[in-house]
Amino acid sequence: MKLLRTKEILDVDDTDLSASTFNDSNLSGTTFNQINFSGASFNDSNMSGWSVNDVNLSGLVMNAVNMSGAVIKNANLTGAQINGSRLTGATIDGIEISELLAVYKANRPGKNEV
């Protein structure tokens, strides 16, 4: 299936979208339930207000996406990569990602190395 330059309301449940590619997509406000996104990639996409529940995101790659206000529940994120993305207000188990990253950066081995 290919959706090119279209505005569609998506209602996606119990679907295999593994290894799919989403480029410059507006998925804001979209809800996905019981989806296999393993190995999928999202690039330069708007996923603000995105809601995913009971999903496989293993091996997922996200580059330059907007995930402000996104909600991910009951997900497998094994090996997932999120790079250069806006995560304003994003939390993991109720802790803001920005706080988690600050603690990590302050305590990681080799933190004084450039």
C-alpha atoms as a PDB file:
ATOM      1  CA  MET A   1       0.000   0.000   0.000  1.00  0.00           C
ATOM      2  CA  LYS A   2       1.264   3.475  -0.815  1.00  0.00           C
ATOM      3  CA  LEU A   3      -0.240   6.741   0.318  1.00  0.00           C
ATOM      4  CA  LEU A   4       1.415   9.618  -1.513  1.00  0.00           C
ATOM      5  CA  ARG A   5       0.578  13.280  -0.953  1.00  0.00           C
ATOM      6  CA  THR A   6      -2.816  12.513   0.446  1.00  0.00           C
ATOM      7  CA  LYS A   7      -4.774  13.497   3.514  1.00  0.00           C
ATOM      8  CA  GLU A   8      -6.403  10.442   4.959  1.00  0.00           C
ATOM      9  CA  ILE A   9      -7.889   9.774   8.361  1.00  0.00           C
ATOM     10  CA  LEU A  10      -6.199   6.606   9.514  1.00  0.00           C
ATOM     11  CA  ASP A  11      -7.841   4.102  11.816  1.00  0.00           C
ATOM     12  CA  VAL A  12      -5.249   1.353  12.104  1.00  0.00           C
ATOM     13  CA  ASP A  13      -5.624  -1.667  14.381  1.00  0.00           C
ATOM     14  CA  ASP A  14      -3.949  -5.088  14.514  1.00  0.00           C
ATOM     15  CA  THR A  15      -1.772  -4.537  11.427  1.00  0.00           C
ATOM     16  CA  ASP A  16       1.746  -5.510  10.355  1.00  0.00           C
ATOM     17  CA  LEU A  17       3.593  -2.374   9.209  1.00  0.00           C
ATOM     18  CA  SER A  18       7.063  -3.801   9.842  1.00  0.00           C
ATOM     19  CA  ALA A  19       9.856  -2.363   7.698  1.00  0.00           C
ATOM     20  CA  SER A  20       7.533   0.433   6.495  1.00  0.00           C
ATOM     21  CA  THR A  21       8.961   3.866   5.723  1.00  0.00           C
ATOM     22  CA  PHE A  22       7.268   7.134   6.615  1.00  0.00           C
ATOM     23  CA  ASN A  23       8.930  10.227   5.092  1.00  0.00           C
ATOM     24  CA  ASP A  24       7.702  13.776   5.632  1.00  0.00           C
ATOM     25  CA  SER A  25       4.415  12.397   6.970  1.00  0.00           C
ATOM     26  CA  ASN A  26       1.836  14.135   9.112  1.00  0.00           C
ATOM     27  CA  LEU A  27       0.637  11.517  11.575  1.00  0.00           C
ATOM     28  CA  SER A  28      -0.377  14.018  14.256  1.00  0.00           C
ATOM     29  CA  GLY A  29      -3.291  12.832  16.332  1.00  0.00           C
ATOM     30  CA  THR A  30      -3.258   9.371  14.754  1.00  0.00           C
ATOM     31  CA  THR A  31      -3.928   6.334  16.967  1.00  0.00           C
ATOM     32  CA  PHE A  32      -2.394   2.937  16.310  1.00  0.00           C
ATOM     33  CA  ASN A  33      -3.407  -0.152  18.324  1.00  0.00           C
ATOM     34  CA  GLN A  34      -1.708  -3.574  18.218  1.00  0.00           C
ATOM     35  CA  ILE A  35       0.658  -2.659  15.374  1.00  0.00           C
ATOM     36  CA  ASN A  36       3.948  -4.249  14.362  1.00  0.00           C
ATOM     37  CA  PHE A  37       6.261  -1.351  13.448  1.00  0.00           C
ATOM     38  CA  SER A  38       9.448  -3.436  13.889  1.00  0.00           C
ATOM     39  CA  GLY A  39      12.208  -2.203  11.606  1.00  0.00           C
ATOM     40  CA  ALA A  40      10.085   0.725  10.385  1.00  0.00           C
ATOM     41  CA  SER A  41      11.551   4.182   9.858  1.00  0.00           C
ATOM     42  CA  PHE A  42      10.035   7.613  10.366  1.00  0.00           C
ATOM     43  CA  ASN A  43      11.902  10.579   8.866  1.00  0.00           C
ATOM     44  CA  ASP A  44      11.074  14.294   9.053  1.00  0.00           C
ATOM     45  CA  SER A  45       7.558  13.486  10.225  1.00  0.00           C
ATOM     46  CA  ASN A  46       5.009  15.120  12.516  1.00  0.00           C
ATOM     47  CA  MET A  47       3.892  12.648  15.162  1.00  0.00           C
ATOM     48  CA  SER A  48       2.674  15.196  17.721  1.00  0.00           C
ATOM     49  CA  GLY A  49      -0.243  13.844  19.695  1.00  0.00           C
ATOM     50  CA  TRP A  50       0.495  10.411  18.208  1.00  0.00           C
ATOM     51  CA  SER A  51      -0.938   7.592  20.313  1.00  0.00           C
ATOM     52  CA  VAL A  52       0.278   4.019  20.035  1.00  0.00           C
ATOM     53  CA  ASN A  53      -0.880   1.144  22.224  1.00  0.00           C
ATOM     54  CA  ASP A  54       0.322  -2.470  22.411  1.00  0.00           C
ATOM     55  CA  VAL A  55       2.901  -2.017  19.638  1.00  0.00           C
ATOM     56  CA  ASN A  56       6.172  -3.573  18.542  1.00  0.00           C
ATOM     57  CA  LEU A  57       8.657  -0.765  17.897  1.00  0.00           C
ATOM     58  CA  SER A  58      11.760  -2.958  18.036  1.00  0.00           C
ATOM     59  CA  GLY A  59      14.453  -1.820  15.625  1.00  0.00           C
ATOM     60  CA  LEU A  60      12.435   1.307  14.821  1.00  0.00           C
ATOM     61  CA  VAL A  61      14.427   4.308  13.557  1.00  0.00           C
ATOM     62  CA  MET A  62      13.127   7.860  13.985  1.00  0.00           C
ATOM     63  CA  ASN A  63      15.024  10.822  12.522  1.00  0.00           C
ATOM     64  CA  ALA A  64      13.959  14.447  12.974  1.00  0.00           C
ATOM     65  CA  VAL A  65      10.408  13.717  14.085  1.00  0.00           C
ATOM     66  CA  ASN A  66       8.116  15.843  16.245  1.00  0.00           C
ATOM     67  CA  MET A  67       6.753  13.665  19.041  1.00  0.00           C
ATOM     68  CA  SER A  68       5.472  16.480  21.262  1.00  0.00           C
ATOM     69  CA  GLY A  69       2.592  15.145  23.331  1.00  0.00           C
ATOM     70  CA  ALA A  70       2.907  11.631  21.882  1.00  0.00           C
ATOM     71  CA  VAL A  71       1.776   8.721  24.045  1.00  0.00           C
ATOM     72  CA  ILE A  72       3.331   5.277  23.716  1.00  0.00           C
ATOM     73  CA  LYS A  73       1.845   2.561  25.920  1.00  0.00           C
ATOM     74  CA  ASN A  74       2.819  -1.077  26.314  1.00  0.00           C
ATOM     75  CA  ALA A  75       5.500  -0.997  23.625  1.00  0.00           C
ATOM     76  CA  ASN A  76       8.578  -3.044  22.783  1.00  0.00           C
ATOM     77  CA  LEU A  77      11.328  -0.477  22.073  1.00  0.00           C
ATOM     78  CA  THR A  78      14.226  -2.949  21.942  1.00  0.00           C
ATOM     79  CA  GLY A  79      16.944  -1.542  19.685  1.00  0.00           C
ATOM     80  CA  ALA A  80      14.877   1.522  18.730  1.00  0.00           C
ATOM     81  CA  GLN A  81      16.752   4.702  17.747  1.00  0.00           C
ATOM     82  CA  ILE A  82      15.433   8.244  18.090  1.00  0.00           C
ATOM     83  CA  ASN A  83      17.752  10.877  16.603  1.00  0.00           C
ATOM     84  CA  GLY A  84      17.472  14.658  16.297  1.00  0.00           C
ATOM     85  CA  SER A  85      13.826  14.679  17.302  1.00  0.00           C
ATOM     86  CA  ARG A  86      11.607  17.043  19.272  1.00  0.00           C
ATOM     87  CA  LEU A  87      10.501  15.299  22.448  1.00  0.00           C
ATOM     88  CA  THR A  88       9.016  18.285  24.318  1.00  0.00           C
ATOM     89  CA  GLY A  89       7.109  17.027  27.346  1.00  0.00           C
ATOM     90  CA  ALA A  90       7.817  13.383  26.481  1.00  0.00           C
ATOM     91  CA  THR A  91       8.090  11.064  29.468  1.00  0.00           C
ATOM     92  CA  ILE A  92       9.161   7.517  30.211  1.00  0.00           C
ATOM     93  CA  ASP A  93       7.306   6.036  33.174  1.00  0.00           C
ATOM     94  CA  GLY A  94       6.346   9.571  34.232  1.00  0.00           C
ATOM     95  CA  ILE A  95       9.875  11.035  34.074  1.00  0.00           C
ATOM     96  CA  GLU A  96      10.592  13.682  31.433  1.00  0.00           C
ATOM     97  CA  ILE A  97      13.100  12.438  28.869  1.00  0.00           C
ATOM     98  CA  SER A  98      15.028  15.712  29.145  1.00  0.00           C
ATOM     99  CA  GLU A  99      15.593  14.958  32.862  1.00  0.00           C
ATOM    100  CA  LEU A 100      16.685  11.386  32.124  1.00  0.00           C
ATOM    101  CA  LEU A 101      19.158  12.596  29.497  1.00  0.00           C
ATOM    102  CA  ALA A 102      20.573  15.272  31.830  1.00  0.00           C
ATOM    103  CA  VAL A 103      21.235  12.685  34.558  1.00  0.00           C
ATOM    104  CA  TYR A 104      22.760  10.282  32.042  1.00  0.00           C
ATOM    105  CA  LYS A 105      25.055  12.927  30.555  1.00  0.00           C
ATOM    106  CA  ALA A 106      26.186  14.040  34.020  1.00  0.00           C
ATOM    107  CA  ASN A 107      27.005  10.479  35.116  1.00  0.00           C
ATOM    108  CA  ARG A 108      28.156   8.603  32.037  1.00  0.00           C
ATOM    109  CA  PRO A 109      31.713   7.249  31.829  1.00  0.00           C
ATOM    110  CA  GLY A 110      34.025   9.530  29.867  1.00  0.00           C
ATOM    111  CA  LYS A 111      31.726  12.531  30.308  1.00  0.00           C
ATOM    112  CA  ASN A 112      34.682  14.903  30.399  1.00  0.00           C
ATOM    113  CA  GLU A 113      35.959  13.681  27.047  1.00  0.00           C
ATOM    114  CA  VAL A 114      35.149  15.648  23.913  1.00  0.00           C
END
